[in-house]
């Protein structure tokens, strides 16, 4: 079974493990790319069979930068790619949203907040990724005891998997 399908199935079957929300932060290229340290991006994922309208949602760093007010829609079982500065951050992949403000390489506390002000998801710091190899930080489904949970890992792919299923480590 592919990891993306496993995450979707698990989120739908086990909504009580902190994933009852429709959208979560799925991957972060906090280190940029091999072309430029400024080529940062953030990916959101919607595991449900409902489109999610993001108007009025925000991605905010605790230190104030970036502070992103979102517009757009995340498709069913789909991704929403936020690229920093322009749509050339991830060559060959169209951005859903362009933002400004840099991610700190030392770590950020990012919050995903919906239009009513409710905290939907958060990243407490960089718990994966590699600034030298330019491998992103991505979410995987893991088990804590007998309970499934989302954890962070360093992507197996240099440059990550923007707008695609996350990598699977062996």
Protein backbone atom coordinates (compact mmCIF):
# COMPACT_ATOMS: atom_id res chain seq x y z
CA UNK A 1 0.00 0.00 0.00
CA UNK A 2 1.33 3.45 -0.88
CA UNK A 3 1.98 5.79 2.05
CA UNK A 4 -0.36 8.47 0.68
CA UNK A 5 -3.28 6.03 0.55
CA UNK A 6 -2.35 4.75 4.03
CA UNK A 7 -2.39 8.27 5.45
CA UNK A 8 -5.74 9.04 3.81
CA UNK A 9 -7.31 5.79 4.99
CA UNK A 10 -5.90 6.17 8.48
CA UNK A 11 -7.06 9.77 8.83
CA UNK A 12 -10.56 8.78 7.79
CA UNK A 13 -10.62 5.67 9.99
CA UNK A 14 -8.92 7.22 13.03
CA UNK A 15 -10.04 10.84 13.21
CA UNK A 16 -9.44 10.90 16.96
CA UNK A 17 -5.67 10.96 16.68
CA UNK A 18 -5.45 14.67 16.05
CA UNK A 19 -6.33 14.68 12.37
CA UNK A 20 -10.04 15.42 12.52
CA UNK A 21 -9.28 18.65 10.65
CA UNK A 22 -9.58 18.66 6.90
CA UNK A 23 -6.14 20.10 6.13
CA UNK A 24 -2.70 19.76 7.68
CA UNK A 25 0.85 20.95 7.05
CA UNK A 26 2.35 18.04 5.13
CA UNK A 27 5.82 19.08 3.95
CA UNK A 28 8.16 22.03 4.45
CA UNK A 29 11.22 22.98 2.40
CA UNK A 30 12.59 25.24 5.14
CA UNK A 31 16.13 25.02 3.73
CA UNK A 32 15.34 26.12 0.19
CA UNK A 33 16.72 24.26 -2.81
CA UNK A 34 20.07 23.48 -4.36
CA UNK A 35 19.48 26.47 -6.69
CA UNK A 36 18.78 28.96 -3.87
CA UNK A 37 18.29 29.03 -0.11
CA UNK A 38 15.38 31.39 -0.86
CA UNK A 39 13.46 28.63 -2.69
CA UNK A 40 11.37 27.73 0.35
CA UNK A 41 7.92 26.18 0.16
CA UNK A 42 5.16 24.79 2.36
CA UNK A 43 2.71 22.09 1.33
CA UNK A 44 -0.75 21.55 2.80
CA UNK A 45 -2.67 18.29 2.36
CA UNK A 46 -6.41 17.59 2.44
CA UNK A 47 -7.03 13.88 3.16
CA UNK A 48 -10.82 14.12 2.84
CA UNK A 49 -13.26 13.68 -0.02
CA UNK A 50 -14.42 17.31 0.36
CA UNK A 51 -12.78 20.38 -1.17
CA UNK A 52 -11.61 22.82 1.49
CA UNK A 53 -11.93 26.56 0.91
CA UNK A 54 -8.96 28.36 2.49
CA UNK A 55 -10.18 31.97 2.25
CA UNK A 56 -9.34 33.63 5.55
CA UNK A 57 -7.10 30.77 6.73
CA UNK A 58 -3.57 31.69 7.84
CA UNK A 59 -0.13 30.15 8.13
CA UNK A 60 1.71 32.07 10.82
CA UNK A 61 5.14 31.74 12.35
CA UNK A 62 5.32 32.50 16.05
CA UNK A 63 8.07 35.09 15.37
CA UNK A 64 5.80 36.90 12.87
CA UNK A 65 7.51 35.91 9.60
CA UNK A 66 6.08 34.49 7.54
CA UNK A 67 2.49 35.54 8.18
CA UNK A 68 0.42 34.28 5.26
CA UNK A 69 -3.29 34.97 4.68
CA UNK A 70 -4.48 32.24 2.34
CA UNK A 71 -6.93 32.21 -0.54
CA UNK A 72 -7.76 29.26 -2.74
CA UNK A 73 -9.07 25.74 -2.41
CA UNK A 74 -7.43 22.46 -1.53
CA UNK A 75 -8.89 19.73 -3.74
CA UNK A 76 -10.20 16.42 -2.40
CA UNK A 77 -7.32 14.14 -1.40
CA UNK A 78 -5.06 16.86 -2.71
CA UNK A 79 -2.25 19.29 -2.10
CA UNK A 80 -1.92 23.07 -1.85
CA UNK A 81 1.58 24.38 -2.57
CA UNK A 82 2.75 27.69 -1.12
CA UNK A 83 5.92 28.95 -2.80
CA UNK A 84 8.05 31.77 -1.47
CA UNK A 85 8.46 34.91 -3.62
CA UNK A 86 7.46 33.51 -7.05
CA UNK A 87 6.29 30.48 -8.99
CA UNK A 88 9.85 29.45 -9.93
CA UNK A 89 10.65 28.08 -6.46
CA UNK A 90 9.63 24.55 -7.53
CA UNK A 91 10.39 24.17 -11.25
CA UNK A 92 7.73 22.25 -13.13
CA UNK A 93 5.16 22.46 -10.32
CA UNK A 94 2.58 25.24 -10.34
CA UNK A 95 2.19 27.09 -7.06
CA UNK A 96 -1.27 27.45 -5.58
CA UNK A 97 -0.17 30.50 -3.60
CA UNK A 98 2.86 32.83 -3.48
CA UNK A 99 3.98 34.22 -0.11
CA UNK A 100 6.72 36.43 1.29
CA UNK A 101 8.70 36.09 4.48
CA UNK A 102 11.54 33.68 5.18
CA UNK A 103 11.57 30.50 7.25
CA UNK A 104 14.33 30.38 9.87
CA UNK A 105 16.80 27.54 9.29
CA UNK A 106 17.14 27.13 13.06
CA UNK A 107 13.45 26.23 13.37
CA UNK A 108 10.03 27.83 13.36
CA UNK A 109 6.78 27.36 15.22
CA UNK A 110 4.26 27.40 12.35
CA UNK A 111 0.52 27.45 12.93
CA UNK A 112 -2.26 26.67 10.47
CA UNK A 113 -5.33 28.64 11.58
CA UNK A 114 -8.77 28.45 9.95
CA UNK A 115 -11.06 31.38 9.11
CA UNK A 116 -12.75 31.20 12.54
CA UNK A 117 -9.38 31.52 14.31
CA UNK A 118 -9.17 27.86 15.38
CA UNK A 119 -5.74 26.22 15.44
CA UNK A 120 -5.93 23.41 12.89
CA UNK A 121 -2.32 22.18 12.83
CA UNK A 122 1.11 23.28 13.95
CA UNK A 123 4.79 22.56 13.47
CA UNK A 124 6.71 23.08 16.70
CA UNK A 125 10.17 23.16 15.09
CA UNK A 126 12.09 21.50 12.29
CA UNK A 127 11.95 17.81 13.14
CA UNK A 128 13.32 16.67 9.82
CA UNK A 129 14.95 17.94 6.68
CA UNK A 130 18.60 18.55 5.83
CA UNK A 131 19.98 21.93 4.79
CA UNK A 132 23.12 20.48 3.16
CA UNK A 133 21.42 17.83 1.00
CA UNK A 134 18.26 19.96 0.52
CA UNK A 135 15.94 17.18 1.66
CA UNK A 136 12.64 18.49 3.00
CA UNK A 137 10.75 17.75 6.20
CA UNK A 138 7.66 15.65 5.50
CA UNK A 139 4.87 13.92 7.39
CA UNK A 140 4.53 10.16 7.67
CA UNK A 141 2.07 7.93 9.48
CA UNK A 142 3.65 6.25 12.49
CA UNK A 143 2.41 4.29 15.48
CA UNK A 144 2.82 5.34 19.08
CA UNK A 145 1.91 2.18 20.98
CA UNK A 146 -1.20 0.99 19.17
CA UNK A 147 -2.32 4.49 18.09
CA UNK A 148 -1.53 5.90 14.65
CA UNK A 149 -0.09 9.42 14.59
CA UNK A 150 1.58 11.74 12.12
CA UNK A 151 5.30 12.21 12.65
CA UNK A 152 8.01 14.12 10.77
CA UNK A 153 10.87 12.63 8.80
CA UNK A 154 13.53 13.80 6.38
CA UNK A 155 12.36 13.13 2.83
CA UNK A 156 14.13 10.35 0.96
CA UNK A 157 14.08 12.67 -2.09
CA UNK A 158 16.45 15.59 -2.56
CA UNK A 159 14.12 18.55 -3.08
CA UNK A 160 11.19 16.72 -1.50
CA UNK A 161 7.92 15.74 -3.10
CA UNK A 162 6.01 18.98 -3.75
CA UNK A 163 2.35 18.33 -4.67
CA UNK A 164 2.99 14.58 -4.66
CA UNK A 165 2.80 11.67 -2.21
CA UNK A 166 5.56 11.87 0.40
CA UNK A 167 8.54 9.57 0.13
CA UNK A 168 8.68 6.22 1.85
CA UNK A 169 11.83 5.33 3.75
CA UNK A 170 12.91 1.71 3.95
